[in-house]
Amino acid sequence: MESSSVERKAHYFLMKSENIRHVSYDDVVDSSWFKSDLVPPRIVILLPAHNEENSIAHCLEGIADQELPEGIQSIDILLGLDNCTDQTEERAVKAAAELNLNLIVYKTVANKKKKVGCLTQLYSLLHGNSLRIDGKEVSRRHWRYVSSIEAIMSVDADTRMDKRCMIELWEGLKSESNIGGVMAKYTMLYPKSKRKISVNDPHYQEKIDSGEYGGFMARWWIARQKIDMASWTLQLFTKGKGRTYVLGGQTSMFNPDALEAVRKEQGTVSFLRDDTQVEDMALTWMIERCGYKALVSPTARCYVDGMRNYKSYVAQRDKWKGGLIELLMNQDRLKTRHTARLWREQIKMGLDLLTRVLFVVMVIMAVYTHQYQWAWIWAIPPLVASVLNTVLALKTYRIRFIDVIGSALLISPEIYLWVNLFIWIRAWMRHFSVKEFDGWGNQYRAEKGLTHSKLSYAIMFMICFIAGVVFLGYKMHTYFTSHSFVTMIHPYFVAGFALLSVLTVFQTLAMLLQLWQLRTPYKA
């Protein structure tokens, strides 16, 4: 029975009997994909890949696990090999053959736009490329295939979908006629502990390089990103009823009509823009501009790789935060229902930074002048923060107990926040700089270990700062405690603590409101 089903799919889709085919743009023009005009309803997955030999088979296994939604008779995977120099193609073809997947392999041509360029060329295999100099257009026969596509998915090659992910995304996409796209919930996978590999293992380095294993810090970074992503997802449901301002490219399902509407509105080859570092966010805003909704599925889930060290994390967030600022500050910016909220998040980052800097300065000056007095009321904000971070950790899918403890003690959240404040400051500085920044290239180099981390400089600065504060307090003790100095700084001292008190009360109330909104049993 299984073999007859495979033969049926191969009959109406491919010229050959195999379910794997290498194609070029000319194949679209020449109608050489098909041997029959019978083109039943299908879902097409756009799968860009650049040197993903360690994860591509895992990704395809996740696709093979999916159940077809009612009425859908085929899943076609358009694999875009983007300047691959490893075994991505061989392993993908082997896995697809073993899993009986319809795999269409395409190699990008002169692509310099990385993932965006790869997806653009894959999309041109469906709708053609009106900007080609040779003027070639897709055939009428090919349009029959395009008209059979009920949904288009974008999936990253290092992502694995949960078993019911596709059906649940489909149900969300078809829940209303004006849904343009639905995104799955993302869960970062913990790497296995390096201690599980014997130092005498002849493949030790190969296993480490595969990314399957990691040390304490790699697992810490993944935990913080899991909780961060959970917090973001929960806010979308508690504040926005599941509406999102970004349909992430890791695993999202789109209405083909919405993507075509975006492409025509932009006047581009595909639905993506290549002039921004956050193409998925720009796409989402355009989908809403064209009258469609963008949602996060409350149930669909996929598993993705996170950034496992400081360098790669900073490089990724540099791109994200910098791209968001570009969209917000662009004079011709797209209007979205989320703009006000995104600006509030920018203001919140500024207030977080101001509160911490002001707190450090005020406490140092209070100690210098012997005016420091502890009041138990100041224990309320960190206590509320501890409860909030604990709740967020507990609502995070598959979180470790040690990470819940780290959240409750506020050590991990505070370190993570300072890293993000540093990235936020740098993103704004880059925005006003005349020097161009290649976010994609920087992230790729960081993930491959080709960049130098400045974390050691930051640690050295903190050590020098603390030593300088202690030394200055010791050497200038007599002056700092003199009546003239205390009198001179008194007005600034009072104003500073008044401002700090107002900011702290405001942020504490905001945390209490967030806790109230998290009272639902929903888990990210």
Protein backbone atom coordinates (compact mmCIF):
# COMPACT_ATOMS: atom_id res chain seq x y z
CA MET A 1 0.00 0.00 0.00
CA GLU A 2 2.82 2.37 0.94
CA SER A 3 4.65 1.70 -2.34
CA SER A 4 1.58 2.44 -4.49
CA SER A 5 1.17 5.78 -2.66
CA VAL A 6 4.76 6.68 -3.42
CA GLU A 7 4.29 5.76 -7.09
CA ARG A 8 1.18 7.94 -7.28
CA LYS A 9 3.00 10.98 -5.92
CA ALA A 10 5.96 10.45 -8.21
CA HIS A 11 3.65 10.05 -11.21
CA TYR A 12 2.08 13.45 -11.02
CA PHE A 13 5.07 15.37 -9.81
CA LEU A 14 8.36 14.33 -11.38
CA MET A 15 9.49 13.46 -14.88
CA LYS A 16 11.53 10.57 -13.49
CA SER A 17 10.42 7.78 -11.22
CA GLU A 18 12.63 9.01 -8.42
CA ASN A 19 11.35 11.49 -5.86
CA ILE A 20 14.56 13.57 -5.97
CA ARG A 21 15.29 16.03 -8.74
CA HIS A 22 17.98 18.65 -9.42
CA VAL A 23 16.51 21.66 -11.20
CA SER A 24 17.44 25.04 -12.60
CA TYR A 25 15.41 28.07 -13.57
CA ASP A 26 15.29 26.84 -17.17
CA ASP A 27 13.37 23.75 -15.98
CA VAL A 28 10.61 26.08 -14.81
CA VAL A 29 10.54 27.82 -18.17
CA ASP A 30 10.57 24.54 -20.12
CA SER A 31 7.87 22.81 -18.00
CA SER A 32 10.23 19.89 -17.50
CA TRP A 33 9.14 19.25 -13.92
CA PHE A 34 6.07 17.29 -14.90
CA LYS A 35 5.00 14.38 -16.99
CA SER A 36 1.28 14.89 -16.35
CA ASP A 37 -1.12 17.81 -16.01
CA LEU A 38 -2.50 16.22 -12.85
CA VAL A 39 -1.35 18.55 -10.05
CA PRO A 40 -3.25 17.91 -6.78
CA PRO A 41 -3.16 20.30 -3.75
CA ARG A 42 0.18 20.52 -1.98
CA ILE A 43 2.32 22.39 0.52
CA VAL A 44 5.68 23.69 -0.67
CA ILE A 45 8.57 24.10 1.78
CA LEU A 46 11.33 26.58 0.98
CA LEU A 47 14.49 25.25 2.64
CA PRO A 48 17.61 27.44 2.29
CA ALA A 49 20.88 25.81 3.35
CA HIS A 50 24.46 27.01 3.60
CA ASN A 51 26.92 24.40 4.90
CA GLU A 52 24.36 22.54 7.02
CA GLU A 53 25.79 19.02 6.73
CA ASN A 54 25.40 18.42 10.48
CA SER A 55 21.71 19.31 10.65
CA ILE A 56 20.08 18.85 7.23
CA ALA A 57 19.17 15.17 7.74
CA HIS A 58 17.71 16.00 11.16
CA CYS A 59 15.59 18.73 9.55
CA LEU A 60 14.31 16.41 6.82
CA GLU A 61 13.45 13.75 9.40
CA GLY A 62 11.22 16.30 11.10
CA ILE A 63 9.45 17.02 7.81
CA ALA A 64 8.98 13.29 7.17
CA ASP A 65 7.29 12.97 10.59
CA GLN A 66 4.52 15.41 9.60
CA GLU A 67 0.98 14.34 8.89
CA LEU A 68 -0.63 15.85 5.80
CA PRO A 69 -3.54 18.22 6.51
CA GLU A 70 -6.90 17.13 5.13
CA GLY A 71 -7.10 17.74 1.39
CA ILE A 72 -3.32 18.06 0.94
CA GLN A 73 -1.79 15.24 -1.08
CA SER A 74 1.89 16.16 -1.26
CA ILE A 75 4.73 18.02 0.41
CA ASP A 76 7.35 19.34 -1.99
CA ILE A 77 10.65 20.52 -0.54
CA LEU A 78 12.60 23.13 -2.51
CA LEU A 79 16.12 22.84 -1.12
CA GLY A 80 18.32 25.82 -1.97
CA LEU A 81 22.02 24.98 -1.78
CA ASP A 82 23.62 28.36 -1.22
CA ASN A 83 27.37 28.25 -1.92
CA CYS A 84 27.78 25.02 0.07
CA THR A 85 31.31 23.71 0.42
CA ASP A 86 30.53 20.71 2.65
CA GLN A 87 28.42 17.55 2.39
CA THR A 88 25.02 19.28 2.68
CA GLU A 89 23.82 18.14 -0.74
CA GLU A 90 24.94 14.52 -0.38
CA ARG A 91 23.42 14.13 3.07
CA ALA A 92 20.17 15.81 2.04
CA VAL A 93 19.75 13.59 -1.01
CA LYS A 94 20.54 10.47 1.01
CA ALA A 95 18.09 11.39 3.78
CA ALA A 96 15.33 12.30 1.30
CA ALA A 97 15.75 8.98 -0.49
CA GLU A 98 15.55 7.04 2.77
CA LEU A 99 12.55 9.04 4.00
CA ASN A 100 10.66 9.00 0.67
CA LEU A 101 10.46 12.81 0.47
CA ASN A 102 9.80 14.87 -2.65
CA LEU A 103 13.05 16.84 -2.77
CA ILE A 104 13.79 19.43 -5.46
CA VAL A 105 17.44 20.48 -5.28
CA TYR A 106 18.45 23.88 -6.60
CA LYS A 107 21.89 25.52 -6.49
CA THR A 108 21.87 29.29 -6.20
CA VAL A 109 23.48 31.32 -8.97
CA ALA A 110 25.77 34.25 -8.13
CA ASN A 111 24.01 34.84 -4.82
CA LYS A 112 25.60 37.51 -2.61
CA LYS A 113 22.56 38.17 -0.43
CA LYS A 114 22.92 35.03 1.69
CA LYS A 115 19.64 33.60 3.06
CA VAL A 116 17.45 36.32 1.52
CA GLY A 117 19.02 35.80 -1.90
CA CYS A 118 18.61 32.05 -1.63
CA LEU A 119 14.91 32.31 -0.72
CA THR A 120 14.40 34.82 -3.54
CA GLN A 121 15.82 32.41 -6.11
CA LEU A 122 13.75 29.55 -4.69
CA TYR A 123 10.59 31.65 -4.94
CA SER A 124 11.45 32.55 -8.53
CA LEU A 125 11.21 28.81 -9.29
CA LEU A 126 7.50 29.18 -8.50
CA HIS A 127 6.55 32.61 -9.80
CA GLY A 128 9.38 33.36 -12.19
CA ASN A 129 11.83 36.23 -12.23
CA SER A 130 10.46 39.29 -13.99
CA LEU A 131 13.80 41.05 -13.59
CA ARG A 132 15.83 38.52 -15.59
CA ILE A 133 17.64 40.15 -18.50
CA ASP A 134 16.81 37.29 -20.86
CA GLY A 135 13.11 37.89 -20.24
CA LYS A 136 12.29 34.21 -19.73
CA GLU A 137 8.91 33.60 -18.13
CA VAL A 138 7.50 30.46 -16.59
CA SER A 139 5.29 28.32 -18.79
CA ARG A 140 1.51 28.07 -18.62
CA ARG A 141 1.85 24.48 -17.59
CA HIS A 142 3.97 25.55 -14.63
CA TRP A 143 1.25 27.95 -13.49
CA ARG A 144 -0.99 24.92 -12.98
CA TYR A 145 1.54 23.67 -10.48
CA VAL A 146 1.69 27.08 -8.74
CA SER A 147 -2.10 27.24 -8.50
CA SER A 148 -2.08 23.88 -6.68
CA ILE A 149 0.00 25.28 -3.80
CA GLU A 150 -2.25 25.74 -0.78
CA ALA A 151 0.49 26.95 1.59
CA ILE A 152 4.17 27.88 1.48
CA MET A 153 6.44 27.16 4.42
CA SER A 154 9.81 28.65 5.22
CA VAL A 155 12.00 26.30 7.26
CA ASP A 156 15.62 26.71 8.30
CA ALA A 157 17.97 23.78 7.70
CA ASP A 158 18.94 23.61 11.39
CA THR A 159 15.31 23.35 12.54
CA ARG A 160 13.24 20.28 13.39
CA MET A 161 9.46 20.45 13.49
CA ASP A 162 7.49 18.74 16.23
CA LYS A 163 5.27 15.91 14.94
CA ARG A 164 2.01 17.90 14.71
CA CYS A 165 3.65 21.19 13.80
CA MET A 166 2.49 21.30 10.17
CA ILE A 167 -1.13 20.40 10.90
CA GLU A 168 -1.35 22.93 13.73
CA LEU A 169 0.16 25.67 11.57
CA TRP A 170 -2.31 24.74 8.81
CA GLU A 171 -5.25 24.97 11.21
CA GLY A 172 -4.10 28.42 12.29
CA LEU A 173 -3.62 29.56 8.69
CA LYS A 174 -7.10 28.38 7.68
CA SER A 175 -8.87 29.61 10.83
CA GLU A 176 -9.76 32.88 9.07
CA SER A 177 -9.70 33.98 5.46
CA ASN A 178 -7.37 36.93 6.14
CA ILE A 179 -4.53 35.07 7.89
CA GLY A 180 -1.31 35.81 5.99
CA GLY A 181 1.11 33.74 8.03
CA VAL A 182 1.45 31.65 11.18
CA MET A 183 4.66 31.03 13.08
CA ALA A 184 5.51 28.06 15.28
CA LYS A 185 6.72 28.47 18.84
CA TYR A 186 10.50 28.08 19.01
CA THR A 187 12.30 25.94 21.57
CA MET A 188 16.08 26.02 21.71
CA LEU A 189 17.73 22.65 22.19
CA TYR A 190 20.25 22.15 24.98
CA PRO A 191 23.55 20.72 23.76
CA LYS A 192 24.62 17.48 25.41
CA SER A 193 27.25 17.82 28.10
CA LYS A 194 30.84 17.58 26.86
CA ARG A 195 31.60 15.41 29.88
CA LYS A 196 29.72 12.57 28.17
CA ILE A 197 32.51 12.32 25.58
CA SER A 198 35.59 10.40 26.60
CA VAL A 199 38.81 12.38 26.14
CA ASN A 200 40.22 9.24 24.52
CA ASP A 201 37.45 9.17 21.92
CA PRO A 202 39.19 9.35 18.50
CA HIS A 203 36.24 11.44 17.22
CA TYR A 204 36.27 13.85 20.17
CA GLN A 205 36.97 17.01 18.16
CA GLU A 206 34.58 15.97 15.41
CA LYS A 207 31.77 15.57 17.95
CA ILE A 208 32.55 18.95 19.52
CA ASP A 209 32.57 20.65 16.11
CA SER A 210 29.20 19.08 15.24
CA GLY A 211 27.51 21.34 17.80
CA GLU A 212 25.78 18.39 19.47
CA TYR A 213 27.81 18.83 22.65
CA GLY A 214 28.63 21.86 24.77
CA GLY A 215 29.95 22.98 28.12
CA PHE A 216 28.38 24.84 31.03
CA MET A 217 28.40 28.24 29.32
CA ALA A 218 26.90 26.88 26.09
CA ARG A 219 24.01 25.42 28.08
CA TRP A 220 23.65 28.67 30.04
CA TRP A 221 23.34 30.72 26.85
CA ILE A 222 20.70 28.34 25.49
CA ALA A 223 18.74 28.53 28.76
CA ARG A 224 18.68 32.33 28.73
CA GLN A 225 17.51 32.39 25.10
CA LYS A 226 14.81 29.79 25.85
CA ILE A 227 13.43 31.94 28.68
CA ASP A 228 13.78 35.10 26.60
CA MET A 229 11.86 33.53 23.71
CA ALA A 230 9.22 32.20 26.13
CA SER A 231 8.77 35.67 27.64
CA TRP A 232 8.35 37.20 24.18
CA THR A 233 5.84 34.54 23.10
CA LEU A 234 3.81 34.88 26.30
CA GLN A 235 3.59 38.64 25.82
CA LEU A 236 2.22 38.14 22.31
CA PHE A 237 -0.64 36.08 23.74
CA THR A 238 -1.29 38.11 26.89
CA LYS A 239 -1.13 41.51 25.18
CA GLY A 240 -1.67 40.93 21.48
CA LYS A 241 -4.00 37.90 21.28
CA GLY A 242 -1.40 35.97 19.33
CA ARG A 243 -0.70 38.72 16.78
CA THR A 244 3.01 39.04 16.05
CA TYR A 245 5.23 41.67 14.46
CA VAL A 246 7.67 39.09 13.11
CA LEU A 247 7.06 35.73 11.45
CA GLY A 248 10.38 34.04 12.10
CA GLY A 249 12.01 32.24 9.19
CA GLN A 250 12.85 29.13 11.25
CA THR A 251 9.37 27.65 10.79
CA SER A 252 6.43 29.65 9.46
CA MET A 253 3.54 28.84 7.13
CA PHE A 254 2.24 31.45 4.69
CA ASN A 255 -0.83 32.07 2.62
CA PRO A 256 0.47 32.08 -1.00
CA ASP A 257 -1.93 34.92 -1.90
CA ALA A 258 -0.49 37.05 0.91
CA LEU A 259 3.09 36.49 -0.30
CA GLU A 260 2.12 37.39 -3.86
CA ALA A 261 0.34 40.51 -2.62
CA VAL A 262 3.51 41.54 -0.78
CA ARG A 263 5.70 40.84 -3.81
CA LYS A 264 3.50 42.95 -6.08
CA GLU A 265 3.25 45.76 -3.51
CA GLN A 266 7.04 45.89 -3.20
CA GLY A 267 7.72 45.39 -6.91
CA THR A 268 10.38 42.78 -6.11
CA VAL A 269 11.24 39.31 -7.40
CA SER A 270 10.10 37.63 -4.18
CA PHE A 271 8.22 38.48 -1.02
CA LEU A 272 11.48 39.35 0.78
CA ARG A 273 13.46 42.57 0.75
CA ASP A 274 17.25 42.41 0.58
CA ASP A 275 17.83 45.95 1.89
CA THR A 276 17.24 45.13 5.56
CA GLN A 277 18.90 42.95 8.21
CA VAL A 278 15.51 41.76 9.51
CA GLU A 279 13.82 40.58 6.34
CA ASP A 280 11.31 38.42 8.22
CA MET A 281 10.14 41.41 10.26
CA ALA A 282 9.85 43.61 7.17
CA LEU A 283 7.85 40.82 5.48
CA THR A 284 5.46 40.60 8.44
CA TRP A 285 4.83 44.33 8.39
CA MET A 286 4.14 44.17 4.66
CA ILE A 287 1.73 41.26 5.16
CA GLU A 288 -0.25 43.39 7.60
CA ARG A 289 -0.07 46.35 5.24
CA CYS A 290 -1.68 44.21 2.55
CA GLY A 291 -4.62 43.49 4.85
CA TYR A 292 -3.60 40.13 6.32
CA LYS A 293 -2.93 39.03 9.91
CA ALA A 294 0.29 37.49 11.25
CA LEU A 295 -0.09 35.05 14.14
CA VAL A 296 1.89 32.83 16.48
CA SER A 297 0.41 29.35 16.84
CA PRO A 298 -0.51 28.49 20.46
CA THR A 299 0.32 24.82 19.87
CA ALA A 300 2.69 24.29 16.91
CA ARG A 301 6.29 23.89 18.01
CA CYS A 302 9.68 23.49 16.39
CA TYR A 303 13.15 22.94 17.79
CA VAL A 304 15.93 25.27 16.75
CA ASP A 305 19.60 25.81 17.45
CA GLY A 306 20.44 28.79 19.64
CA MET A 307 23.63 30.80 19.95
CA ARG A 308 25.99 28.90 22.24
CA ASN A 309 28.62 31.51 23.05
CA TYR A 310 29.00 35.23 23.62
CA LYS A 311 30.38 35.98 20.15
CA SER A 312 27.63 34.31 18.15
CA TYR A 313 24.89 35.65 20.43
CA VAL A 314 26.11 39.24 20.17
CA ALA A 315 26.48 38.92 16.39
CA GLN A 316 22.93 37.61 16.01
CA ARG A 317 21.39 40.26 18.27
CA ASP A 318 23.47 42.98 16.60
CA LYS A 319 21.68 42.10 13.39
CA TRP A 320 18.24 41.85 14.99
CA LYS A 321 18.39 45.02 17.07
CA GLY A 322 20.14 47.00 14.35
CA GLY A 323 17.58 45.91 11.76
CA LEU A 324 14.67 46.79 14.04
CA ILE A 325 16.08 50.27 14.65
CA GLU A 326 16.49 50.76 10.90
CA LEU A 327 12.85 49.88 10.32
CA LEU A 328 11.65 52.15 13.13
CA MET A 329 13.82 55.10 12.07
CA ASN A 330 13.29 54.81 8.32
CA GLN A 331 11.45 57.90 7.10
CA ASP A 332 9.51 55.74 4.65
CA ARG A 333 8.89 53.13 7.33
CA LEU A 334 5.99 50.73 7.12
CA LYS A 335 3.08 51.40 9.39
CA THR A 336 2.25 48.51 11.70
CA ARG A 337 -0.05 48.08 14.66
CA HIS A 338 3.02 47.08 16.68
CA THR A 339 5.08 50.25 16.12
CA ALA A 340 4.06 51.88 19.41
CA ARG A 341 4.86 48.72 21.33
CA LEU A 342 8.28 48.41 19.67
CA TRP A 343 9.08 52.00 20.62
CA ARG A 344 8.00 51.26 24.21
CA GLU A 345 10.48 48.37 24.24
CA GLN A 346 13.22 50.74 23.09
CA ILE A 347 12.29 53.18 25.87
CA LYS A 348 12.24 50.32 28.38
CA MET A 349 15.81 49.38 27.43
CA GLY A 350 16.86 52.99 27.98
CA LEU A 351 15.14 53.12 31.38
CA ASP A 352 16.73 49.80 32.40
CA LEU A 353 20.13 51.25 31.58
CA LEU A 354 19.43 54.58 33.31
CA THR A 355 18.13 52.90 36.48
CA ARG A 356 21.18 50.68 36.84
CA VAL A 357 23.72 53.40 36.11
CA LEU A 358 21.94 55.78 38.50
CA PHE A 359 21.78 53.11 41.19
CA VAL A 360 25.50 52.38 40.96
CA VAL A 361 26.44 56.08 41.05
CA MET A 362 24.10 56.88 43.97
CA VAL A 363 25.24 53.93 46.08
CA ILE A 364 28.94 54.72 45.47
CA MET A 365 28.45 58.37 46.44
CA ALA A 366 26.39 57.40 49.51
CA VAL A 367 29.16 55.06 50.69
CA TYR A 368 31.85 57.67 49.95
CA THR A 369 30.07 60.33 52.02
CA HIS A 370 28.96 57.98 54.83
CA GLN A 371 25.29 58.63 54.03
CA TYR A 372 24.36 55.11 53.02
CA GLN A 373 21.46 53.70 55.03
CA TRP A 374 19.66 50.46 54.22
CA ALA A 375 15.84 50.52 54.10
CA TRP A 376 13.92 47.28 53.70
CA ILE A 377 11.54 48.88 51.24
CA TRP A 378 14.36 48.63 48.67
CA ALA A 379 14.06 44.83 48.89
CA ILE A 380 10.64 44.93 47.20
CA PRO A 381 11.82 45.54 43.59
CA PRO A 382 14.35 42.68 43.51
CA LEU A 383 11.84 40.41 45.24
CA VAL A 384 9.20 41.16 42.58
CA ALA A 385 11.83 40.70 39.87
CA SER A 386 12.80 37.35 41.38
CA VAL A 387 9.20 36.12 41.38
CA LEU A 388 8.66 37.33 37.80
CA ASN A 389 11.82 35.65 36.48
CA THR A 390 10.95 32.44 38.32
CA VAL A 391 7.47 32.36 36.79
CA LEU A 392 8.88 33.00 33.31
CA ALA A 393 11.38 30.18 33.78
CA LEU A 394 8.67 27.79 34.98
CA LYS A 395 6.52 28.64 31.95
CA THR A 396 9.41 27.87 29.60
CA TYR A 397 9.13 24.54 27.79
CA ARG A 398 11.70 21.93 28.89
CA ILE A 399 13.73 24.17 31.18
CA ARG A 400 16.28 22.75 33.64
CA PHE A 401 15.78 23.14 37.40
CA ILE A 402 19.19 24.81 37.76
CA ASP A 403 18.08 27.49 35.29
CA VAL A 404 14.95 28.14 37.35
CA ILE A 405 17.17 28.62 40.41
CA GLY A 406 19.47 30.95 38.43
CA SER A 407 16.44 33.02 37.43
CA ALA A 408 15.14 33.19 41.01
CA LEU A 409 18.51 34.43 42.28
CA LEU A 410 18.51 37.15 39.57
CA ILE A 411 22.15 36.45 38.73
CA SER A 412 21.54 34.98 35.29
CA PRO A 413 18.83 37.47 34.24
CA GLU A 414 20.97 40.44 35.29
CA ILE A 415 24.05 39.26 33.39
CA TYR A 416 21.90 38.53 30.34
CA LEU A 417 20.28 41.98 30.57
CA TRP A 418 23.65 43.76 30.72
CA VAL A 419 24.79 41.91 27.60
CA ASN A 420 21.61 43.03 25.81
CA LEU A 421 22.03 46.60 27.03
CA PHE A 422 25.53 46.61 25.55
CA ILE A 423 24.16 45.30 22.22
CA TRP A 424 21.34 47.88 22.30
CA ILE A 425 23.78 50.77 22.84
CA ARG A 426 26.00 49.52 20.03
CA ALA A 427 23.04 49.11 17.67
CA TRP A 428 22.01 52.73 18.16
CA MET A 429 25.61 53.90 17.73
CA ARG A 430 25.85 51.93 14.47
CA HIS A 431 22.61 53.49 13.27
CA PHE A 432 24.10 56.98 13.48
CA SER A 433 27.45 55.85 12.08
CA VAL A 434 28.35 56.34 8.41
CA LYS A 435 30.09 52.97 8.33
CA GLU A 436 28.04 50.13 6.81
CA PHE A 437 27.49 46.97 8.84
CA ASP A 438 26.99 43.48 7.36
CA GLY A 439 24.85 41.77 9.98
CA TRP A 440 24.50 38.46 8.13
CA GLY A 441 28.21 38.21 7.39
CA ASN A 442 29.16 39.12 10.94
CA GLN A 443 26.80 36.50 12.39
CA TYR A 444 28.12 33.79 10.05
CA ARG A 445 31.75 34.59 10.92
CA ALA A 446 30.95 34.56 14.63
CA GLU A 447 29.21 31.18 14.44
CA LYS A 448 32.24 29.75 12.62
CA GLY A 449 34.64 31.22 15.20
CA LEU A 450 36.16 33.68 12.72
CA THR A 451 35.66 36.78 14.88
CA HIS A 452 37.34 37.97 18.06
CA SER A 453 35.31 38.33 21.24
CA LYS A 454 35.56 41.57 23.22
CA LEU A 455 34.15 39.91 26.34
CA SER A 456 37.60 39.82 27.94
CA TYR A 457 37.85 43.60 27.50
CA ALA A 458 34.51 44.07 29.24
CA ILE A 459 35.61 41.86 32.15
CA MET A 460 38.89 43.74 32.44
CA PHE A 461 37.00 47.05 32.40
CA MET A 462 34.73 45.89 35.24
CA ILE A 463 37.70 44.75 37.32
CA CYS A 464 39.49 48.05 36.74
CA PHE A 465 36.33 50.02 37.49
CA ILE A 466 35.75 48.26 40.83
CA ALA A 467 39.43 48.59 41.75
CA GLY A 468 39.35 52.28 40.80
CA VAL A 469 36.24 52.94 42.91
CA VAL A 470 37.80 51.24 45.94
CA PHE A 471 41.14 53.01 45.48
CA LEU A 472 39.49 56.42 45.01
CA GLY A 473 37.35 55.95 48.10
CA TYR A 474 40.39 55.06 50.15
CA LYS A 475 42.65 57.87 48.90
CA MET A 476 39.96 60.59 48.91
CA HIS A 477 38.17 59.49 52.07
CA THR A 478 38.86 62.70 53.99
CA TYR A 479 37.67 64.94 51.15
CA PHE A 480 34.53 62.92 50.42
CA THR A 481 33.44 63.05 54.06
CA SER A 482 34.22 66.77 54.50
CA HIS A 483 31.35 69.14 55.22
CA SER A 484 32.06 71.24 52.13
CA PHE A 485 31.85 68.27 49.73
CA VAL A 486 28.73 66.82 51.36
CA THR A 487 27.03 70.23 51.20
CA MET A 488 28.04 70.68 47.56
CA ILE A 489 26.61 67.37 46.33
CA HIS A 490 23.53 67.38 48.59
CA PRO A 491 21.10 68.87 45.98
CA TYR A 492 22.30 66.43 43.31
CA PHE A 493 22.15 63.61 45.82
CA VAL A 494 18.52 64.33 46.71
CA ALA A 495 17.49 64.78 43.06
CA GLY A 496 19.29 61.59 42.03
CA PHE A 497 17.63 59.43 44.67
CA ALA A 498 14.24 61.00 43.91
CA LEU A 499 14.61 60.12 40.23
CA LEU A 500 15.86 56.64 41.09
CA SER A 501 12.89 56.12 43.41
CA VAL A 502 10.39 57.17 40.73
CA LEU A 503 11.99 54.91 38.11
CA THR A 504 12.09 51.98 40.53
CA VAL A 505 8.44 52.36 41.53
CA PHE A 506 7.42 52.59 37.85
CA GLN A 507 9.39 49.47 36.88
CA THR A 508 8.11 47.54 39.90
CA LEU A 509 4.51 48.31 38.94
CA ALA A 510 5.29 47.20 35.37
CA MET A 511 6.64 43.88 36.69
CA LEU A 512 3.54 43.39 38.87
CA LEU A 513 1.35 44.00 35.82
CA GLN A 514 3.33 41.43 33.84
CA LEU A 515 2.95 38.93 36.68
CA TRP A 516 -0.80 39.50 36.67
CA GLN A 517 -0.94 38.88 32.92
CA LEU A 518 1.01 35.61 33.36
CA ARG A 519 -1.61 34.14 35.71
CA THR A 520 -3.05 32.06 32.84
CA PRO A 521 -2.01 28.36 32.63
CA TYR A 522 -0.54 28.96 29.15
CA LYS A 523 3.03 27.68 28.72
CA ALA A 524 5.35 28.99 26.02
